[in-house]
Amino acid sequence: MYSSLTHALAEALVDVLWFVEGSEDEQVDTDDAVKVMEGVTHLFSKLSSEQRNELIELLGTMADAESNPARREFLKGFPEGFGLLEDGV
């Protein structure tokens, strides 16, 4: 059970991106993977500062609760990797 719809959707998005990033070329076409990653980054660029901060905080909570070390690192790097951090932050 998730604390909110936002949390459930964030978990689903992270699952998809974790899969895409970790996939071999035989599993996911490289060009398609780049399109997915760029699409998510573009979507995040449209978020307000408040929405961005909410997602960054949620990702931190998810990272703290994650038992898989590799996935925890993915979650910790997510804000920077997907353009959630504003320049100079």
Protein backbone atom coordinates (compact mmCIF):
# COMPACT_ATOMS: atom_id res chain seq x y z
CA MET A 1 0.00 0.00 0.00
CA TYR A 2 1.30 3.45 -0.90
CA SER A 3 0.76 6.63 1.08
CA SER A 4 -0.53 8.49 -1.97
CA LEU A 5 -1.25 8.19 -5.65
CA THR A 6 1.86 10.31 -6.27
CA HIS A 7 3.97 7.73 -4.43
CA ALA A 8 2.45 4.84 -6.39
CA LEU A 9 3.02 6.61 -9.72
CA ALA A 10 6.58 7.56 -8.76
CA GLU A 11 7.30 3.91 -7.92
CA ALA A 12 5.88 2.81 -11.27
CA LEU A 13 7.91 5.40 -13.17
CA VAL A 14 11.10 4.48 -11.34
CA ASP A 15 10.45 0.79 -12.11
CA VAL A 16 10.12 1.53 -15.83
CA LEU A 17 13.19 3.75 -15.95
CA TRP A 18 15.22 1.30 -13.84
CA PHE A 19 14.31 -1.42 -16.36
CA VAL A 20 15.10 0.74 -19.41
CA GLU A 21 18.42 1.95 -18.02
CA GLY A 22 19.50 -1.55 -17.02
CA SER A 23 18.39 -3.28 -20.20
CA GLU A 24 20.72 -4.81 -22.72
CA ASP A 25 20.49 -3.76 -26.36
CA GLU A 26 18.74 -7.05 -27.14
CA GLN A 27 15.96 -6.21 -24.66
CA VAL A 28 15.31 -2.58 -25.52
CA ASP A 29 16.39 -0.73 -28.65
CA THR A 30 18.97 1.90 -27.69
CA ASP A 31 17.22 4.66 -29.66
CA ASP A 32 13.90 3.83 -27.99
CA ALA A 33 15.54 3.83 -24.56
CA VAL A 34 17.01 7.29 -25.21
CA LYS A 35 13.60 8.56 -26.36
CA VAL A 36 11.98 7.29 -23.15
CA MET A 37 14.65 8.87 -20.94
CA GLU A 38 14.55 12.18 -22.83
CA GLY A 39 10.74 12.17 -22.72
CA VAL A 40 10.74 11.81 -18.95
CA THR A 41 13.37 14.54 -18.58
CA HIS A 42 11.27 16.84 -20.77
CA LEU A 43 8.15 16.09 -18.70
CA PHE A 44 10.06 16.92 -15.52
CA SER A 45 11.17 20.23 -17.04
CA LYS A 46 7.49 21.23 -17.15
CA LEU A 47 6.96 20.69 -13.41
CA SER A 48 6.69 23.65 -11.07
CA SER A 49 9.39 24.11 -8.43
CA GLU A 50 6.93 22.87 -5.82
CA GLN A 51 6.16 19.72 -7.81
CA ARG A 52 9.86 19.12 -8.44
CA ASN A 53 10.65 19.49 -4.75
CA GLU A 54 7.83 17.11 -3.83
CA LEU A 55 9.17 14.49 -6.22
CA ILE A 56 12.77 14.96 -5.05
CA GLU A 57 11.66 14.50 -1.43
CA LEU A 58 9.66 11.40 -2.36
CA LEU A 59 12.62 9.92 -4.24
CA GLY A 60 14.77 10.48 -1.15
CA THR A 61 12.20 8.65 0.98
CA MET A 62 12.11 5.82 -1.55
CA ALA A 63 15.93 5.63 -1.57
CA ASP A 64 16.06 5.46 2.23
CA ALA A 65 13.58 2.56 2.22
CA GLU A 66 15.26 0.67 -0.66
CA SER A 67 17.04 -2.57 0.27
CA ASN A 68 18.72 -3.14 -3.11
CA PRO A 69 21.99 -1.13 -3.05
CA ALA A 70 22.11 -0.61 -6.82
CA ARG A 71 18.52 0.59 -6.96
CA ARG A 72 19.11 2.83 -3.92
CA GLU A 73 21.98 4.51 -5.80
CA PHE A 74 19.75 4.85 -8.87
CA LEU A 75 17.13 6.58 -6.70
CA LYS A 76 19.71 8.86 -5.08
CA GLY A 77 21.02 9.91 -8.50
CA PHE A 78 17.58 10.21 -10.06
CA PRO A 79 17.02 13.95 -9.40
CA GLU A 80 20.28 14.94 -11.06
CA GLY A 81 20.10 12.30 -13.79
CA PHE A 82 16.62 13.30 -14.91
CA GLY A 83 16.94 17.06 -14.67
CA LEU A 84 14.95 17.64 -11.48
CA LEU A 85 17.64 19.82 -9.96
CA GLU A 86 17.66 23.41 -11.07
CA ASP A 87 20.96 24.93 -12.22
CA GLY A 88 23.16 25.84 -9.33
CA VAL A 89 21.47 23.44 -6.89
